[in-house]
Amino acid sequence: MSQEESTDSNGSGDTKGTSVIVNAIAVLRTFSADEPLLGVTEIANRVGLHKSTVSRILATFEQEHLVERDPETRRFRLGLGLIAIAGPLLAELEERRVAYPVLRELTEQTGETSALMVWNGTESMCVEQIASHHQIKHSTPLGARYQDAMSASVQVFLSTEPAERVRALLRSGAITYPGLDDASLDGYQIKLGDVTRRGWAINYGESSIDEVGVAAPVYDHRGDIVASVLIPAPRFRVSRERLQSLGEACAAAAHRVTTRLGGRPPGNPERAGDSGNS
């Protein structure tokens, strides 16, 4: 039974209304930086709805400028109306405002893209980015979401989660880990322990053979992770020696954002300043 049919069989008007909203959100979530253009059939297959239902949802979104049609392919992309919705949130997101000048300095220092990531419980999401000046670069577009276990920012956020929670996320597929088994679960926990001890996470071509990522945690006044600073870069430009310097620069930038937020790392308050050398 499709999601729509399940909704229609429920006699509760409130439940139907809620399901319509859930379906609409699911349609919006199918768009990504990797796949910005999608057709009705593609979306319907991904969300488990009839094409007619998806068409109605998209027609409403188009009226509100939340999606728009590509004039050549007639496929849909996200519209500028979403900026009007997200704008107030981004403007009030203190971590983003505080991190912006630090990210600019980090990109100038390293020559690579820098980004600020936040965690929604199952995904690492980009809320700010300063692109590299290099012609060949890796970027993290605003709103991009990452669920790959090897993603550096995902490692940072999971490093403070209880082991049981990490295992549940991996086993459920909410966090993706190809070829997952008990041995790799144990190995991943060790990897997260290394992130905590080192002070920053490494993704050296593990998610994508052509890309390297390092990420470091940003803390609030309680010592909880509220964001992470990420540096994505083309792998050909990052030797193992340069990887260390990028990690140290990333950790130092995350420490500056933490300080500007009035935050502190857990345990020794001085630890963040030395984390890249541990």
C-alpha atoms as a PDB file:
ATOM      1  CA  MET A   1       0.000   0.000   0.000  1.00  0.00           C
ATOM      2  CA  SER A   2       1.371   3.406  -0.909  1.00  0.00           C
ATOM      3  CA  GLN A   3       1.806   6.195   1.588  1.00  0.00           C
ATOM      4  CA  GLU A   4      -1.134   8.019  -0.004  1.00  0.00           C
ATOM      5  CA  GLU A   5      -3.413   4.976   0.182  1.00  0.00           C
ATOM      6  CA  SER A   6      -2.499   4.463   3.824  1.00  0.00           C
ATOM      7  CA  THR A   7      -3.430   8.068   4.512  1.00  0.00           C
ATOM      8  CA  ASP A   8      -6.763   7.809   2.710  1.00  0.00           C
ATOM      9  CA  SER A   9      -7.771   4.743   4.731  1.00  0.00           C
ATOM     10  CA  ASN A  10      -7.451   6.651   8.001  1.00  0.00           C
ATOM     11  CA  GLY A  11     -10.690   8.185   9.180  1.00  0.00           C
ATOM     12  CA  SER A  12      -9.162  10.997  11.188  1.00  0.00           C
ATOM     13  CA  GLY A  13      -9.223  14.400   9.505  1.00  0.00           C
ATOM     14  CA  ASP A  14      -6.370  15.606  11.679  1.00  0.00           C
ATOM     15  CA  THR A  15      -4.265  12.624  10.717  1.00  0.00           C
ATOM     16  CA  LYS A  16      -5.010  13.206   7.029  1.00  0.00           C
ATOM     17  CA  GLY A  17      -3.987  16.829   7.339  1.00  0.00           C
ATOM     18  CA  THR A  18      -0.772  15.890   9.082  1.00  0.00           C
ATOM     19  CA  SER A  19      -0.005  13.282   6.426  1.00  0.00           C
ATOM     20  CA  VAL A  20      -0.477  15.838   3.656  1.00  0.00           C
ATOM     21  CA  ILE A  21       2.112  18.063   5.339  1.00  0.00           C
ATOM     22  CA  VAL A  22       4.495  15.123   5.797  1.00  0.00           C
ATOM     23  CA  ASN A  23       4.086  14.219   2.127  1.00  0.00           C
ATOM     24  CA  ALA A  24       4.766  17.797   1.052  1.00  0.00           C
ATOM     25  CA  ILE A  25       7.912  17.937   3.159  1.00  0.00           C
ATOM     26  CA  ALA A  26       9.040  14.599   1.714  1.00  0.00           C
ATOM     27  CA  VAL A  27       8.697  16.044  -1.792  1.00  0.00           C
ATOM     28  CA  LEU A  28      10.883  19.031  -0.881  1.00  0.00           C
ATOM     29  CA  ARG A  29      13.498  16.763   0.691  1.00  0.00           C
ATOM     30  CA  THR A  30      14.023  14.838  -2.546  1.00  0.00           C
ATOM     31  CA  PHE A  31      15.911  17.810  -4.020  1.00  0.00           C
ATOM     32  CA  SER A  32      19.629  18.004  -3.253  1.00  0.00           C
ATOM     33  CA  ALA A  33      22.776  19.749  -4.379  1.00  0.00           C
ATOM     34  CA  ASP A  34      23.719  16.610  -6.330  1.00  0.00           C
ATOM     35  CA  GLU A  35      20.278  16.370  -7.939  1.00  0.00           C
ATOM     36  CA  PRO A  36      18.784  19.864  -8.118  1.00  0.00           C
ATOM     37  CA  LEU A  37      16.449  19.024 -11.042  1.00  0.00           C
ATOM     38  CA  LEU A  38      13.827  16.301 -10.690  1.00  0.00           C
ATOM     39  CA  GLY A  39      10.760  15.238 -12.645  1.00  0.00           C
ATOM     40  CA  VAL A  40       7.366  14.254 -11.245  1.00  0.00           C
ATOM     41  CA  THR A  41       7.919  10.539 -11.857  1.00  0.00           C
ATOM     42  CA  GLU A  42      11.321  10.584 -10.164  1.00  0.00           C
ATOM     43  CA  ILE A  43       9.915  12.315  -7.107  1.00  0.00           C
ATOM     44  CA  ALA A  44       6.858  10.042  -6.958  1.00  0.00           C
ATOM     45  CA  ASN A  45       9.044   6.933  -7.026  1.00  0.00           C
ATOM     46  CA  ARG A  46      11.238   8.240  -4.221  1.00  0.00           C
ATOM     47  CA  VAL A  47       8.484   9.289  -1.833  1.00  0.00           C
ATOM     48  CA  GLY A  48       6.041   6.468  -2.592  1.00  0.00           C
ATOM     49  CA  LEU A  49       3.163   8.650  -3.801  1.00  0.00           C
ATOM     50  CA  HIS A  50       1.050   8.652  -6.955  1.00  0.00           C
ATOM     51  CA  LYS A  51       2.245  10.993  -9.683  1.00  0.00           C
ATOM     52  CA  SER A  52      -1.050  12.883  -9.528  1.00  0.00           C
ATOM     53  CA  THR A  53      -0.516  13.593  -5.833  1.00  0.00           C
ATOM     54  CA  VAL A  54       3.049  14.778  -6.429  1.00  0.00           C
ATOM     55  CA  SER A  55       1.846  16.970  -9.304  1.00  0.00           C
ATOM     56  CA  ARG A  56      -0.711  18.653  -7.033  1.00  0.00           C
ATOM     57  CA  ILE A  57       1.891  19.265  -4.341  1.00  0.00           C
ATOM     58  CA  LEU A  58       4.344  20.697  -6.858  1.00  0.00           C
ATOM     59  CA  ALA A  59       1.659  22.911  -8.408  1.00  0.00           C
ATOM     60  CA  THR A  60       0.940  24.420  -4.981  1.00  0.00           C
ATOM     61  CA  PHE A  61       4.662  24.878  -4.295  1.00  0.00           C
ATOM     62  CA  GLU A  62       5.085  26.531  -7.687  1.00  0.00           C
ATOM     63  CA  GLN A  63       2.337  29.045  -6.896  1.00  0.00           C
ATOM     64  CA  GLU A  64       4.183  29.921  -3.680  1.00  0.00           C
ATOM     65  CA  HIS A  65       7.561  30.050  -5.473  1.00  0.00           C
ATOM     66  CA  LEU A  66       8.906  27.177  -3.376  1.00  0.00           C
ATOM     67  CA  VAL A  67       9.731  25.304  -6.566  1.00  0.00           C
ATOM     68  CA  GLU A  68      10.123  26.423 -10.163  1.00  0.00           C
ATOM     69  CA  ARG A  69      10.237  24.684 -13.532  1.00  0.00           C
ATOM     70  CA  ASP A  70      13.323  24.529 -15.659  1.00  0.00           C
ATOM     71  CA  PRO A  71      12.206  26.155 -18.947  1.00  0.00           C
ATOM     72  CA  GLU A  72      14.047  23.603 -21.098  1.00  0.00           C
ATOM     73  CA  THR A  73      13.491  20.274 -19.354  1.00  0.00           C
ATOM     74  CA  ARG A  74      10.224  21.166 -17.540  1.00  0.00           C
ATOM     75  CA  ARG A  75      11.622  19.435 -14.494  1.00  0.00           C
ATOM     76  CA  PHE A  76      11.437  21.069 -11.098  1.00  0.00           C
ATOM     77  CA  ARG A  77      14.035  22.735  -8.891  1.00  0.00           C
ATOM     78  CA  LEU A  78      13.753  24.469  -5.526  1.00  0.00           C
ATOM     79  CA  GLY A  79      12.588  28.076  -5.791  1.00  0.00           C
ATOM     80  CA  LEU A  80      13.671  31.354  -4.274  1.00  0.00           C
ATOM     81  CA  GLY A  81      10.600  31.386  -2.049  1.00  0.00           C
ATOM     82  CA  LEU A  82      12.405  28.986   0.268  1.00  0.00           C
ATOM     83  CA  ILE A  83      14.974  31.676   1.012  1.00  0.00           C
ATOM     84  CA  ALA A  84      12.230  33.909   2.373  1.00  0.00           C
ATOM     85  CA  ILE A  85      11.217  31.084   4.707  1.00  0.00           C
ATOM     86  CA  ALA A  86      14.725  30.076   5.772  1.00  0.00           C
ATOM     87  CA  GLY A  87      16.111  33.614   5.897  1.00  0.00           C
ATOM     88  CA  PRO A  88      14.855  34.534   9.382  1.00  0.00           C
ATOM     89  CA  LEU A  89      16.226  31.285  10.822  1.00  0.00           C
ATOM     90  CA  LEU A  90      19.640  31.735   9.216  1.00  0.00           C
ATOM     91  CA  ALA A  91      19.761  35.371  10.326  1.00  0.00           C
ATOM     92  CA  GLU A  92      19.046  34.371  13.935  1.00  0.00           C
ATOM     93  CA  LEU A  93      21.360  31.349  13.968  1.00  0.00           C
ATOM     94  CA  GLU A  94      24.044  32.645  16.282  1.00  0.00           C
ATOM     95  CA  GLU A  95      26.584  29.971  15.376  1.00  0.00           C
ATOM     96  CA  ARG A  96      26.399  31.030  11.721  1.00  0.00           C
ATOM     97  CA  ARG A  97      26.773  34.743  12.454  1.00  0.00           C
ATOM     98  CA  VAL A  98      29.655  34.208  14.860  1.00  0.00           C
ATOM     99  CA  ALA A  99      31.455  31.726  12.612  1.00  0.00           C
ATOM    100  CA  TYR A 100      31.368  33.760   9.396  1.00  0.00           C
ATOM    101  CA  PRO A 101      34.503  35.909   9.947  1.00  0.00           C
ATOM    102  CA  VAL A 102      36.393  32.902  11.288  1.00  0.00           C
ATOM    103  CA  LEU A 103      35.507  30.883   8.188  1.00  0.00           C
ATOM    104  CA  ARG A 104      36.681  33.706   5.954  1.00  0.00           C
ATOM    105  CA  GLU A 105      40.046  33.759   7.739  1.00  0.00           C
ATOM    106  CA  LEU A 106      40.277  29.966   7.561  1.00  0.00           C
ATOM    107  CA  THR A 107      39.702  29.933   3.793  1.00  0.00           C
ATOM    108  CA  GLU A 108      42.285  32.688   3.315  1.00  0.00           C
ATOM    109  CA  GLN A 109      44.763  30.782   5.475  1.00  0.00           C
ATOM    110  CA  THR A 110      44.330  27.349   3.882  1.00  0.00           C
ATOM    111  CA  GLY A 111      43.165  28.248   0.375  1.00  0.00           C
ATOM    112  CA  GLU A 112      40.412  25.652   0.761  1.00  0.00           C
ATOM    113  CA  THR A 113      36.662  25.860   1.229  1.00  0.00           C
ATOM    114  CA  SER A 114      35.466  26.165   4.814  1.00  0.00           C
ATOM    115  CA  ALA A 115      31.974  25.475   6.104  1.00  0.00           C
ATOM    116  CA  LEU A 116      29.895  25.461   9.271  1.00  0.00           C
ATOM    117  CA  MET A 117      27.817  22.342   9.895  1.00  0.00           C
ATOM    118  CA  VAL A 118      25.008  21.690  12.379  1.00  0.00           C
ATOM    119  CA  TRP A 119      23.391  18.414  13.458  1.00  0.00           C
ATOM    120  CA  ASN A 120      19.682  17.582  13.310  1.00  0.00           C
ATOM    121  CA  GLY A 121      19.993  14.204  15.021  1.00  0.00           C
ATOM    122  CA  THR A 122      20.607  12.101  11.912  1.00  0.00           C
ATOM    123  CA  GLU A 123      22.221  14.497   9.412  1.00  0.00           C
ATOM    124  CA  SER A 124      25.052  17.000   9.277  1.00  0.00           C
ATOM    125  CA  MET A 125      23.748  20.131   7.536  1.00  0.00           C
ATOM    126  CA  CYS A 126      25.640  23.072   6.022  1.00  0.00           C
ATOM    127  CA  VAL A 127      24.494  26.502   7.221  1.00  0.00           C
ATOM    128  CA  GLU A 128      27.457  28.604   6.028  1.00  0.00           C
ATOM    129  CA  GLN A 129      30.259  28.278   3.494  1.00  0.00           C
ATOM    130  CA  ILE A 130      33.225  30.275   2.212  1.00  0.00           C
ATOM    131  CA  ALA A 131      34.350  28.819  -1.119  1.00  0.00           C
ATOM    132  CA  SER A 132      37.978  28.241  -2.058  1.00  0.00           C
ATOM    133  CA  HIS A 133      39.494  30.635  -4.585  1.00  0.00           C
ATOM    134  CA  HIS A 134      40.988  27.688  -6.514  1.00  0.00           C
ATOM    135  CA  GLN A 135      39.391  26.803  -9.836  1.00  0.00           C
ATOM    136  CA  ILE A 136      39.236  23.147  -8.738  1.00  0.00           C
ATOM    137  CA  LYS A 137      37.637  22.913  -5.331  1.00  0.00           C
ATOM    138  CA  HIS A 138      35.129  21.014  -3.274  1.00  0.00           C
ATOM    139  CA  SER A 139      32.194  22.934  -1.893  1.00  0.00           C
ATOM    140  CA  THR A 140      29.425  22.305   0.613  1.00  0.00           C
ATOM    141  CA  PRO A 141      26.350  24.206  -0.583  1.00  0.00           C
ATOM    142  CA  LEU A 142      24.039  25.785   1.983  1.00  0.00           C
ATOM    143  CA  GLY A 143      21.437  23.251   3.027  1.00  0.00           C
ATOM    144  CA  ALA A 144      23.509  20.251   1.914  1.00  0.00           C
ATOM    145  CA  ARG A 145      22.908  17.244   4.168  1.00  0.00           C
ATOM    146  CA  TYR A 146      25.360  14.453   4.953  1.00  0.00           C
ATOM    147  CA  GLN A 147      24.503  11.026   6.370  1.00  0.00           C
ATOM    148  CA  ASP A 148      27.669   9.135   5.442  1.00  0.00           C
ATOM    149  CA  ALA A 149      29.360   7.610   8.485  1.00  0.00           C
ATOM    150  CA  MET A 150      32.780   8.513   7.082  1.00  0.00           C
ATOM    151  CA  SER A 151      31.918  12.169   6.525  1.00  0.00           C
ATOM    152  CA  ALA A 152      34.251  14.184   8.766  1.00  0.00           C
ATOM    153  CA  SER A 153      31.477  16.357  10.186  1.00  0.00           C
ATOM    154  CA  VAL A 154      29.252  13.324  10.836  1.00  0.00           C
ATOM    155  CA  GLN A 155      32.137  11.730  12.749  1.00  0.00           C
ATOM    156  CA  VAL A 156      32.462  14.857  14.882  1.00  0.00           C
ATOM    157  CA  PHE A 157      28.790  14.851  15.854  1.00  0.00           C
ATOM    158  CA  LEU A 158      28.640  11.092  16.469  1.00  0.00           C
ATOM    159  CA  SER A 159      31.808  11.151  18.586  1.00  0.00           C
ATOM    160  CA  THR A 160      29.794  12.482  21.552  1.00  0.00           C
ATOM    161  CA  GLU A 161      26.795  10.183  21.086  1.00  0.00           C
ATOM    162  CA  PRO A 162      26.429   7.086  23.302  1.00  0.00           C
ATOM    163  CA  ALA A 163      27.747   3.928  21.631  1.00  0.00           C
ATOM    164  CA  GLU A 164      24.254   2.402  21.644  1.00  0.00           C
ATOM    165  CA  ARG A 165      22.860   5.415  19.790  1.00  0.00           C
ATOM    166  CA  VAL A 166      25.631   5.256  17.175  1.00  0.00           C
ATOM    167  CA  ARG A 167      25.056   1.546  16.599  1.00  0.00           C
ATOM    168  CA  ALA A 168      21.298   2.091  16.270  1.00  0.00           C
ATOM    169  CA  LEU A 169      21.793   4.856  13.689  1.00  0.00           C
ATOM    170  CA  LEU A 170      24.174   2.699  11.657  1.00  0.00           C
ATOM    171  CA  ARG A 171      22.068  -0.459  11.833  1.00  0.00           C
ATOM    172  CA  SER A 172      18.887   1.408  10.867  1.00  0.00           C
ATOM    173  CA  GLY A 173      20.576   2.976   7.852  1.00  0.00           C
ATOM    174  CA  ALA A 174      19.873   6.503   9.080  1.00  0.00           C
ATOM    175  CA  ILE A 175      23.662   6.884   8.942  1.00  0.00           C
ATOM    176  CA  THR A 176      25.000   5.013   5.915  1.00  0.00           C
ATOM    177  CA  TYR A 177      27.905   2.584   6.182  1.00  0.00           C
ATOM    178  CA  PRO A 178      28.239   0.164   3.231  1.00  0.00           C
ATOM    179  CA  GLY A 179      29.049  -3.416   4.199  1.00  0.00           C
ATOM    180  CA  LEU A 180      28.193  -2.851   7.858  1.00  0.00           C
ATOM    181  CA  ASP A 181      28.850  -5.794  10.203  1.00  0.00           C
ATOM    182  CA  ASP A 182      29.815  -6.289  13.845  1.00  0.00           C
ATOM    183  CA  ALA A 183      33.529  -5.899  13.113  1.00  0.00           C
ATOM    184  CA  SER A 184      33.044  -2.612  11.261  1.00  0.00           C
ATOM    185  CA  LEU A 185      30.765  -1.362  14.039  1.00  0.00           C
ATOM    186  CA  ASP A 186      33.548  -1.959  16.550  1.00  0.00           C
ATOM    187  CA  GLY A 187      36.093  -0.368  14.229  1.00  0.00           C
ATOM    188  CA  TYR A 188      33.903   2.681  13.761  1.00  0.00           C
ATOM    189  CA  GLN A 189      33.614   3.174  17.514  1.00  0.00           C
ATOM    190  CA  ILE A 190      37.417   3.135  17.702  1.00  0.00           C
ATOM    191  CA  LYS A 191      37.522   5.719  14.900  1.00  0.00           C
ATOM    192  CA  LEU A 192      35.146   7.977  16.854  1.00  0.00           C
ATOM    193  CA  GLY A 193      37.353   7.595  19.914  1.00  0.00           C
ATOM    194  CA  ASP A 194      40.292   8.794  17.817  1.00  0.00           C
ATOM    195  CA  VAL A 195      38.261  11.878  16.852  1.00  0.00           C
ATOM    196  CA  THR A 196      37.739  12.717  20.511  1.00  0.00           C
ATOM    197  CA  ARG A 197      41.391  12.223  21.411  1.00  0.00           C
ATOM    198  CA  ARG A 198      42.757  14.065  18.379  1.00  0.00           C
ATOM    199  CA  GLY A 199      40.245  16.914  18.472  1.00  0.00           C
ATOM    200  CA  TRP A 200      39.311  16.684  14.800  1.00  0.00           C
ATOM    201  CA  ALA A 201      37.975  14.117  12.335  1.00  0.00           C
ATOM    202  CA  ILE A 202      39.507  12.866   9.085  1.00  0.00           C
ATOM    203  CA  ASN A 203      37.854  11.633   5.907  1.00  0.00           C
ATOM    204  CA  TYR A 204      40.745  10.851   3.568  1.00  0.00           C
ATOM    205  CA  GLY A 205      38.899   9.699   0.456  1.00  0.00           C
ATOM    206  CA  GLU A 206      36.677   7.295   2.396  1.00  0.00           C
ATOM    207  CA  SER A 207      33.376   8.807   1.238  1.00  0.00           C
ATOM    208  CA  SER A 208      34.610   9.923  -2.174  1.00  0.00           C
ATOM    209  CA  ILE A 209      37.979   8.869  -3.559  1.00  0.00           C
ATOM    210  CA  ASP A 210      38.611  12.384  -4.910  1.00  0.00           C
ATOM    211  CA  GLU A 211      37.787  14.325  -1.747  1.00  0.00           C
ATOM    212  CA  VAL A 212      39.358  14.897   1.647  1.00  0.00           C
ATOM    213  CA  GLY A 213      37.571  16.385   4.627  1.00  0.00           C
ATOM    214  CA  VAL A 214      38.602  17.461   8.113  1.00  0.00           C
ATOM    215  CA  ALA A 215      36.188  18.731  10.754  1.00  0.00           C
ATOM    216  CA  ALA A 216      36.418  19.948  14.356  1.00  0.00           C
ATOM    217  CA  PRO A 217      33.774  20.546  17.030  1.00  0.00           C
ATOM    218  CA  VAL A 218      32.290  23.844  18.203  1.00  0.00           C
ATOM    219  CA  TYR A 219      31.005  23.866  21.798  1.00  0.00           C
ATOM    220  CA  ASP A 220      28.457  25.908  23.722  1.00  0.00           C
ATOM    221  CA  HIS A 221      28.665  27.121  27.337  1.00  0.00           C
ATOM    222  CA  ARG A 222      27.602  23.688  28.610  1.00  0.00           C
ATOM    223  CA  GLY A 223      30.439  21.962  26.779  1.00  0.00           C
ATOM    224  CA  ASP A 224      28.020  20.385  24.273  1.00  0.00           C
ATOM    225  CA  ILE A 225      28.782  20.256  20.545  1.00  0.00           C
ATOM    226  CA  VAL A 226      26.534  22.719  18.699  1.00  0.00           C
ATOM    227  CA  ALA A 227      28.308  22.802  15.326  1.00  0.00           C
ATOM    228  CA  SER A 228      31.427  21.746  13.503  1.00  0.00           C
ATOM    229  CA  VAL A 229      33.866  23.550  11.245  1.00  0.00           C
ATOM    230  CA  LEU A 230      34.576  21.604   8.061  1.00  0.00           C
ATOM    231  CA  ILE A 231      37.299  21.889   5.422  1.00  0.00           C
ATOM    232  CA  PRO A 232      36.565  19.888   2.236  1.00  0.00           C
ATOM    233  CA  ALA A 233      39.338  19.766  -0.369  1.00  0.00           C
ATOM    234  CA  PRO A 234      40.379  17.866  -3.513  1.00  0.00           C
ATOM    235  CA  ARG A 235      42.457  14.877  -2.513  1.00  0.00           C
ATOM    236  CA  PHE A 236      45.185  15.553  -5.098  1.00  0.00           C
ATOM    237  CA  ARG A 237      46.008  18.789  -3.272  1.00  0.00           C
ATOM    238  CA  VAL A 238      46.260  17.252   0.199  1.00  0.00           C
ATOM    239  CA  SER A 239      49.235  15.098   1.113  1.00  0.00           C
ATOM    240  CA  ARG A 240      49.313  13.274   4.435  1.00  0.00           C
ATOM    241  CA  GLU A 241      51.588  16.016   5.767  1.00  0.00           C
ATOM    242  CA  ARG A 242      49.235  18.774   4.642  1.00  0.00           C
ATOM    243  CA  LEU A 243      46.300  16.844   6.095  1.00  0.00           C
ATOM    244  CA  GLN A 244      47.806  17.396   9.549  1.00  0.00           C
ATOM    245  CA  SER A 245      48.158  21.137   8.997  1.00  0.00           C
ATOM    246  CA  LEU A 246      44.587  21.403   7.695  1.00  0.00           C
ATOM    247  CA  GLY A 247      43.323  19.516  10.725  1.00  0.00           C
ATOM    248  CA  GLU A 248      45.197  21.789  13.082  1.00  0.00           C
ATOM    249  CA  ALA A 249      43.913  24.890  11.287  1.00  0.00           C
ATOM    250  CA  CYS A 250      40.363  23.523  11.401  1.00  0.00           C
ATOM    251  CA  ALA A 251      40.594  22.752  15.120  1.00  0.00           C
ATOM    252  CA  ALA A 252      42.005  26.220  15.838  1.00  0.00           C
ATOM    253  CA  ALA A 253      39.158  27.841  13.871  1.00  0.00           C
ATOM    254  CA  ALA A 254      36.562  25.743  15.721  1.00  0.00           C
ATOM    255  CA  HIS A 255      38.154  26.836  18.995  1.00  0.00           C
ATOM    256  CA  ARG A 256      37.845  30.494  17.961  1.00  0.00           C
ATOM    257  CA  VAL A 257      34.160  30.021  17.123  1.00  0.00           C
ATOM    258  CA  THR A 258      33.658  28.287  20.483  1.00  0.00           C
ATOM    259  CA  THR A 259      35.294  31.213  22.261  1.00  0.00           C
ATOM    260  CA  ARG A 260      33.237  33.780  20.348  1.00  0.00           C
ATOM    261  CA  LEU A 261      30.092  31.898  21.372  1.00  0.00           C
ATOM    262  CA  GLY A 262      31.143  31.983  25.012  1.00  0.00           C
ATOM    263  CA  GLY A 263      31.465  28.224  24.905  1.00  0.00           C
ATOM    264  CA  ARG A 264      33.971  25.794  26.334  1.00  0.00           C
ATOM    265  CA  PRO A 265      35.132  22.291  25.435  1.00  0.00           C
ATOM    266  CA  PRO A 266      34.279  19.532  27.909  1.00  0.00           C
ATOM    267  CA  GLY A 267      36.881  18.796  30.577  1.00  0.00           C
ATOM    268  CA  ASN A 268      39.992  20.956  30.416  1.00  0.00           C
ATOM    269  CA  PRO A 269      39.011  24.431  29.092  1.00  0.00           C
ATOM    270  CA  GLU A 270      42.421  24.759  27.427  1.00  0.00           C
ATOM    271  CA  ARG A 271      42.127  21.524  25.488  1.00  0.00           C
ATOM    272  CA  ALA A 272      40.635  22.994  22.292  1.00  0.00           C
ATOM    273  CA  GLY A 273      43.630  25.228  21.747  1.00  0.00           C
ATOM    274  CA  ASP A 274      45.963  22.216  21.768  1.00  0.00           C
ATOM    275  CA  SER A 275      43.648  19.703  20.076  1.00  0.00           C
ATOM    276  CA  GLY A 276      45.390  19.756  16.723  1.00  0.00           C
ATOM    277  CA  ASN A 277      48.660  18.626  18.347  1.00  0.00           C
ATOM    278  CA  SER A 278      47.340  15.799  20.446  1.00  0.00           C
END
